[in-house]
N, C-alpha and C. Protein backbone atom coordinates (compact mmCIF):
# COMPACT_ATOMS: atom_id res chain seq x y z
N UNK A 1 0.81 -1.18 0.00
CA UNK A 1 0.00 0.00 0.00
C UNK A 1 0.86 1.26 0.00
N UNK A 2 2.00 1.22 0.65
CA UNK A 2 2.87 2.40 0.70
C UNK A 2 3.48 2.69 -0.67
N UNK A 3 3.64 1.65 -1.51
CA UNK A 3 4.18 1.88 -2.85
C UNK A 3 3.22 2.73 -3.68
N UNK A 4 1.94 2.48 -3.52
CA UNK A 4 0.95 3.26 -4.27
C UNK A 4 0.94 4.70 -3.77
N UNK A 5 1.04 4.89 -2.49
CA UNK A 5 1.07 6.25 -1.94
C UNK A 5 2.31 7.00 -2.39
N UNK A 6 3.45 6.31 -2.50
CA UNK A 6 4.68 6.96 -2.95
C UNK A 6 4.59 7.40 -4.40
N UNK A 7 3.93 6.61 -5.24
CA UNK A 7 3.83 7.00 -6.65
C UNK A 7 2.91 8.19 -6.83
N UNK A 8 1.90 8.34 -5.99
CA UNK A 8 0.97 9.45 -6.13
C UNK A 8 1.52 10.75 -5.57
N UNK A 9 2.47 10.70 -4.67
CA UNK A 9 3.00 11.94 -4.12
C UNK A 9 3.89 12.67 -5.10
N UNK A 10 4.43 11.99 -6.10
CA UNK A 10 5.31 12.63 -7.07
C UNK A 10 4.56 13.28 -8.23
N UNK A 11 3.24 13.21 -8.23
CA UNK A 11 2.48 13.79 -9.31
C UNK A 11 2.38 15.30 -9.17
N UNK A 12 2.24 15.94 -10.32
CA UNK A 12 2.11 17.40 -10.35
C UNK A 12 0.65 17.77 -10.15
N UNK A 13 0.42 18.77 -9.34
CA UNK A 13 -0.94 19.24 -9.09
C UNK A 13 -1.42 20.07 -10.28
N UNK A 14 -2.55 19.70 -10.85
CA UNK A 14 -3.12 20.44 -11.97
C UNK A 14 -3.90 21.64 -11.46
N UNK A 15 -4.00 22.67 -12.27
CA UNK A 15 -4.70 23.89 -11.82
C UNK A 15 -6.19 23.67 -11.69
N UNK A 16 -6.82 24.60 -10.99
CA UNK A 16 -8.26 24.53 -10.77
C UNK A 16 -9.03 25.25 -11.85
N UNK A 17 -10.32 25.38 -11.61
CA UNK A 17 -11.22 26.00 -12.58
C UNK A 17 -10.88 27.48 -12.80
N UNK A 18 -10.40 28.15 -11.77
CA UNK A 18 -10.08 29.58 -11.91
C UNK A 18 -8.98 29.81 -12.95
N UNK A 19 -7.98 28.95 -12.96
CA UNK A 19 -6.89 29.08 -13.94
C UNK A 19 -7.43 28.89 -15.35
N UNK A 20 -8.31 27.90 -15.53
CA UNK A 20 -8.87 27.66 -16.85
C UNK A 20 -9.77 28.82 -17.30
N UNK A 21 -10.45 29.44 -16.39
CA UNK A 21 -11.26 30.60 -16.75
C UNK A 21 -10.39 31.80 -17.13
N UNK A 22 -9.28 31.98 -16.43
CA UNK A 22 -8.34 33.06 -16.79
C UNK A 22 -7.77 32.83 -18.18
N UNK A 23 -7.39 31.59 -18.48
CA UNK A 23 -6.87 31.26 -19.82
C UNK A 23 -7.96 31.50 -20.86
N UNK A 24 -9.19 31.15 -20.56
CA UNK A 24 -10.30 31.38 -21.50
C UNK A 24 -10.47 32.88 -21.77
N UNK A 25 -10.33 33.71 -20.74
CA UNK A 25 -10.43 35.16 -20.93
C UNK A 25 -9.30 35.65 -21.83
N UNK A 26 -8.08 35.15 -21.62
CA UNK A 26 -6.96 35.53 -22.49
C UNK A 26 -7.22 35.10 -23.93
N UNK A 27 -7.81 33.93 -24.12
CA UNK A 27 -8.12 33.47 -25.47
C UNK A 27 -9.17 34.37 -26.13
N UNK A 28 -10.14 34.81 -25.37
CA UNK A 28 -11.15 35.74 -25.91
C UNK A 28 -10.50 37.07 -26.28
N UNK A 29 -9.59 37.55 -25.43
CA UNK A 29 -8.89 38.81 -25.72
C UNK A 29 -8.04 38.67 -26.97
N UNK A 30 -7.33 37.55 -27.12
CA UNK A 30 -6.51 37.35 -28.32
C UNK A 30 -7.39 37.27 -29.57
N UNK A 31 -8.54 36.63 -29.46
CA UNK A 31 -9.46 36.56 -30.60
C UNK A 31 -9.97 37.96 -30.96
N UNK A 32 -10.31 38.76 -29.96
CA UNK A 32 -10.75 40.13 -30.22
C UNK A 32 -9.63 40.94 -30.87
N UNK A 33 -8.38 40.70 -30.45
CA UNK A 33 -7.25 41.40 -31.08
C UNK A 33 -7.11 40.98 -32.54
N UNK A 34 -7.33 39.71 -32.85
CA UNK A 34 -7.25 39.25 -34.24
C UNK A 34 -8.32 39.93 -35.09
N UNK A 35 -9.52 40.03 -34.58
CA UNK A 35 -10.60 40.68 -35.32
C UNK A 35 -10.30 42.16 -35.50
N UNK A 36 -9.79 42.81 -34.46
CA UNK A 36 -9.46 44.23 -34.53
C UNK A 36 -8.35 44.48 -35.53
N UNK A 37 -7.32 43.66 -35.52
CA UNK A 37 -6.19 43.83 -36.45
C UNK A 37 -6.68 43.74 -37.89
N UNK A 38 -7.64 42.86 -38.14
CA UNK A 38 -8.15 42.71 -39.50
C UNK A 38 -8.84 43.97 -40.01
N UNK A 39 -9.49 44.71 -39.12
CA UNK A 39 -10.24 45.88 -39.54
C UNK A 39 -9.47 47.19 -39.44
N UNK A 40 -8.26 47.19 -38.92
CA UNK A 40 -7.44 48.40 -38.85
C UNK A 40 -6.65 48.50 -40.17
N UNK A 41 -6.97 49.49 -40.98
CA UNK A 41 -6.36 49.60 -42.31
C UNK A 41 -4.88 49.96 -42.24
N UNK A 42 -4.43 50.60 -41.19
CA UNK A 42 -3.01 50.95 -41.06
C UNK A 42 -2.13 49.72 -40.88
N UNK A 43 -2.72 48.62 -40.46
CA UNK A 43 -1.94 47.40 -40.23
C UNK A 43 -1.98 46.43 -41.41
N UNK A 44 -2.53 46.85 -42.53
CA UNK A 44 -2.61 45.97 -43.71
C UNK A 44 -1.26 45.42 -44.15
N UNK A 45 -0.17 46.21 -44.14
CA UNK A 45 1.11 45.66 -44.60
C UNK A 45 1.65 44.53 -43.71
N UNK A 46 1.27 44.52 -42.44
CA UNK A 46 1.79 43.50 -41.52
C UNK A 46 0.66 42.60 -41.02
N UNK A 47 -0.43 42.52 -41.76
CA UNK A 47 -1.60 41.77 -41.32
C UNK A 47 -1.29 40.29 -41.11
N UNK A 48 -0.70 39.65 -42.09
CA UNK A 48 -0.46 38.21 -42.00
C UNK A 48 0.51 37.86 -40.87
N UNK A 49 1.67 38.54 -40.75
CA UNK A 49 2.56 38.19 -39.63
C UNK A 49 1.93 38.40 -38.26
N UNK A 50 1.13 39.47 -38.11
CA UNK A 50 0.49 39.72 -36.81
C UNK A 50 -0.54 38.63 -36.52
N UNK A 51 -1.31 38.24 -37.52
CA UNK A 51 -2.29 37.18 -37.31
C UNK A 51 -1.62 35.84 -37.01
N UNK A 52 -0.49 35.58 -37.63
CA UNK A 52 0.24 34.34 -37.35
C UNK A 52 0.75 34.33 -35.91
N UNK A 53 1.28 35.45 -35.45
CA UNK A 53 1.79 35.52 -34.07
C UNK A 53 0.65 35.37 -33.07
N UNK A 54 -0.47 36.05 -33.31
CA UNK A 54 -1.61 35.94 -32.40
C UNK A 54 -2.18 34.51 -32.40
N UNK A 55 -2.25 33.91 -33.57
CA UNK A 55 -2.73 32.53 -33.66
C UNK A 55 -1.79 31.56 -32.96
N UNK A 56 -0.48 31.79 -33.09
CA UNK A 56 0.50 30.93 -32.42
C UNK A 56 0.39 31.07 -30.90
N UNK A 57 0.13 32.29 -30.44
CA UNK A 57 -0.03 32.50 -29.00
C UNK A 57 -1.27 31.76 -28.48
N UNK A 58 -2.36 31.82 -29.24
CA UNK A 58 -3.56 31.10 -28.84
C UNK A 58 -3.32 29.59 -28.84
N UNK A 59 -2.64 29.12 -29.86
CA UNK A 59 -2.35 27.68 -29.93
C UNK A 59 -1.49 27.24 -28.76
N UNK A 60 -0.49 28.05 -28.41
CA UNK A 60 0.39 27.69 -27.29
C UNK A 60 -0.39 27.63 -25.98
N UNK A 61 -1.29 28.58 -25.76
CA UNK A 61 -2.10 28.55 -24.54
C UNK A 61 -2.98 27.32 -24.48
N UNK A 62 -3.62 27.00 -25.58
CA UNK A 62 -4.50 25.82 -25.61
C UNK A 62 -3.68 24.55 -25.39
N UNK A 63 -2.55 24.43 -26.06
CA UNK A 63 -1.73 23.23 -25.94
C UNK A 63 -1.16 23.08 -24.53
N UNK A 64 -0.71 24.18 -23.94
CA UNK A 64 -0.09 24.09 -22.62
C UNK A 64 -1.10 23.77 -21.53
N UNK A 65 -2.25 24.41 -21.57
CA UNK A 65 -3.17 24.27 -20.45
C UNK A 65 -4.28 23.26 -20.70
N UNK A 66 -4.98 23.37 -21.83
CA UNK A 66 -6.12 22.49 -22.05
C UNK A 66 -5.69 21.10 -22.50
N UNK A 67 -4.53 20.97 -23.13
CA UNK A 67 -4.00 19.65 -23.48
C UNK A 67 -3.02 19.15 -22.42
N UNK A 68 -2.81 19.92 -21.38
CA UNK A 68 -1.98 19.56 -20.22
C UNK A 68 -0.51 19.31 -20.59
N UNK A 69 -0.02 19.90 -21.67
CA UNK A 69 1.39 19.71 -22.03
C UNK A 69 2.32 20.39 -21.04
N UNK A 70 1.84 21.42 -20.38
CA UNK A 70 2.67 22.11 -19.40
C UNK A 70 2.98 21.21 -18.21
N UNK A 71 2.08 20.29 -17.92
CA UNK A 71 2.23 19.44 -16.75
C UNK A 71 2.73 18.04 -17.08
N UNK A 72 2.87 17.71 -18.37
CA UNK A 72 3.39 16.40 -18.77
C UNK A 72 4.91 16.43 -18.77
N UNK A 73 5.48 15.28 -18.95
CA UNK A 73 6.93 15.18 -19.04
C UNK A 73 7.45 15.80 -20.32
N UNK A 74 8.72 16.11 -20.34
CA UNK A 74 9.31 16.77 -21.51
C UNK A 74 9.29 15.86 -22.72
N UNK A 75 9.32 14.55 -22.53
CA UNK A 75 9.31 13.63 -23.66
C UNK A 75 7.97 13.67 -24.39
N UNK A 76 6.88 13.67 -23.64
CA UNK A 76 5.56 13.75 -24.27
C UNK A 76 5.36 15.10 -24.97
N UNK A 77 5.83 16.15 -24.36
CA UNK A 77 5.75 17.47 -24.99
C UNK A 77 6.58 17.51 -26.26
N UNK A 78 7.76 16.91 -26.22
CA UNK A 78 8.63 16.87 -27.41
C UNK A 78 8.02 16.10 -28.55
N UNK A 79 7.32 15.00 -28.23
CA UNK A 79 6.65 14.22 -29.27
C UNK A 79 5.59 15.05 -29.97
N UNK A 80 4.98 15.96 -29.27
CA UNK A 80 3.97 16.83 -29.86
C UNK A 80 4.59 18.04 -30.56
N UNK A 81 5.59 18.66 -29.93
CA UNK A 81 6.12 19.93 -30.43
C UNK A 81 7.06 19.73 -31.63
N UNK A 82 7.86 18.68 -31.64
CA UNK A 82 8.82 18.49 -32.73
C UNK A 82 8.14 18.40 -34.10
N UNK A 83 7.14 17.54 -34.28
CA UNK A 83 6.48 17.53 -35.60
C UNK A 83 5.78 18.85 -35.93
N UNK A 84 5.28 19.52 -34.90
CA UNK A 84 4.65 20.82 -35.12
C UNK A 84 5.66 21.83 -35.66
N UNK A 85 6.84 21.86 -35.09
CA UNK A 85 7.88 22.78 -35.56
C UNK A 85 8.33 22.41 -36.98
N UNK A 86 8.45 21.12 -37.26
CA UNK A 86 8.83 20.70 -38.61
C UNK A 86 7.77 21.14 -39.63
N UNK A 87 6.49 21.00 -39.28
CA UNK A 87 5.41 21.43 -40.17
C UNK A 87 5.43 22.94 -40.37
N UNK A 88 5.71 23.69 -39.30
CA UNK A 88 5.77 25.15 -39.41
C UNK A 88 6.92 25.58 -40.31
N UNK A 89 8.07 24.94 -40.17
CA UNK A 89 9.22 25.26 -41.03
C UNK A 89 8.91 24.93 -42.48
N UNK A 90 8.28 23.79 -42.72
CA UNK A 90 7.91 23.42 -44.09
C UNK A 90 6.91 24.40 -44.67
N UNK A 91 5.92 24.80 -43.87
CA UNK A 91 4.93 25.77 -44.33
C UNK A 91 5.57 27.11 -44.69
N UNK A 92 6.46 27.60 -43.85
CA UNK A 92 7.13 28.87 -44.14
C UNK A 92 8.02 28.76 -45.38
N UNK A 93 8.70 27.63 -45.54
CA UNK A 93 9.53 27.43 -46.73
C UNK A 93 8.68 27.44 -48.00
N UNK A 94 7.54 26.80 -47.95
CA UNK A 94 6.66 26.78 -49.13
C UNK A 94 6.09 28.16 -49.43
N UNK A 95 5.73 28.89 -48.39
CA UNK A 95 5.22 30.25 -48.61
C UNK A 95 6.30 31.12 -49.25
N UNK A 96 7.52 31.04 -48.73
CA UNK A 96 8.61 31.83 -49.32
C UNK A 96 8.92 31.39 -50.75
N UNK A 97 8.87 30.09 -51.00
CA UNK A 97 9.13 29.59 -52.35
C UNK A 97 8.09 30.11 -53.33
N UNK A 98 6.83 30.01 -52.99
CA UNK A 98 5.78 30.49 -53.90
C UNK A 98 5.80 32.00 -54.06
N UNK A 99 6.16 32.73 -53.01
CA UNK A 99 6.27 34.18 -53.13
C UNK A 99 7.43 34.54 -54.07
N UNK A 100 8.53 33.83 -53.93
CA UNK A 100 9.69 34.07 -54.81
C UNK A 100 9.34 33.76 -56.25
N UNK A 101 8.68 32.62 -56.48
CA UNK A 101 8.32 32.22 -57.84
C UNK A 101 7.30 33.18 -58.44
N UNK A 102 6.36 33.62 -57.67
CA UNK A 102 5.35 34.55 -58.17
C UNK A 102 5.98 35.88 -58.54
N UNK A 103 6.99 36.30 -57.79
CA UNK A 103 7.63 37.57 -58.07
C UNK A 103 8.56 37.49 -59.27
N UNK A 104 9.31 36.41 -59.40
CA UNK A 104 10.31 36.31 -60.46
C UNK A 104 9.80 35.67 -61.75
N UNK A 105 8.70 34.97 -61.70
CA UNK A 105 8.18 34.36 -62.91
C UNK A 105 6.91 35.02 -63.41
N UNK A 106 6.60 36.20 -62.90
CA UNK A 106 5.41 36.93 -63.32
C UNK A 106 5.58 37.34 -64.79
N UNK A 107 4.53 37.24 -65.56
CA UNK A 107 4.63 37.63 -66.98
C UNK A 107 4.90 39.11 -67.12
N UNK A 108 5.78 39.42 -68.04
CA UNK A 108 6.16 40.81 -68.29
C UNK A 108 5.32 41.33 -69.45
N UNK A 109 4.75 42.49 -69.25
CA UNK A 109 4.03 43.10 -70.37
C UNK A 109 2.64 43.22 -70.15
């Protein structure tokens, strides 16, 4: 019986409902910022990078708290984050490639 008690004492305490409500409020604020950025005409030149950063912040909050990655071991977090980073790098490379091709292969005349 003491073996079971020893294994449970090493567990990390998960946050309560108040923490999840605070995170939900931050997610609502980030969503409102995304909507606001879309309608501010002065931010048109940097619209996509700002939306990507805000979306990444929302994703990080959801992954850390609602998927409990913040409280899991580093190995489980790495299994989730490594493919995500590889996909993000591939996505950015493809965006840059197509932007380069569109700029340099545009028809002249």
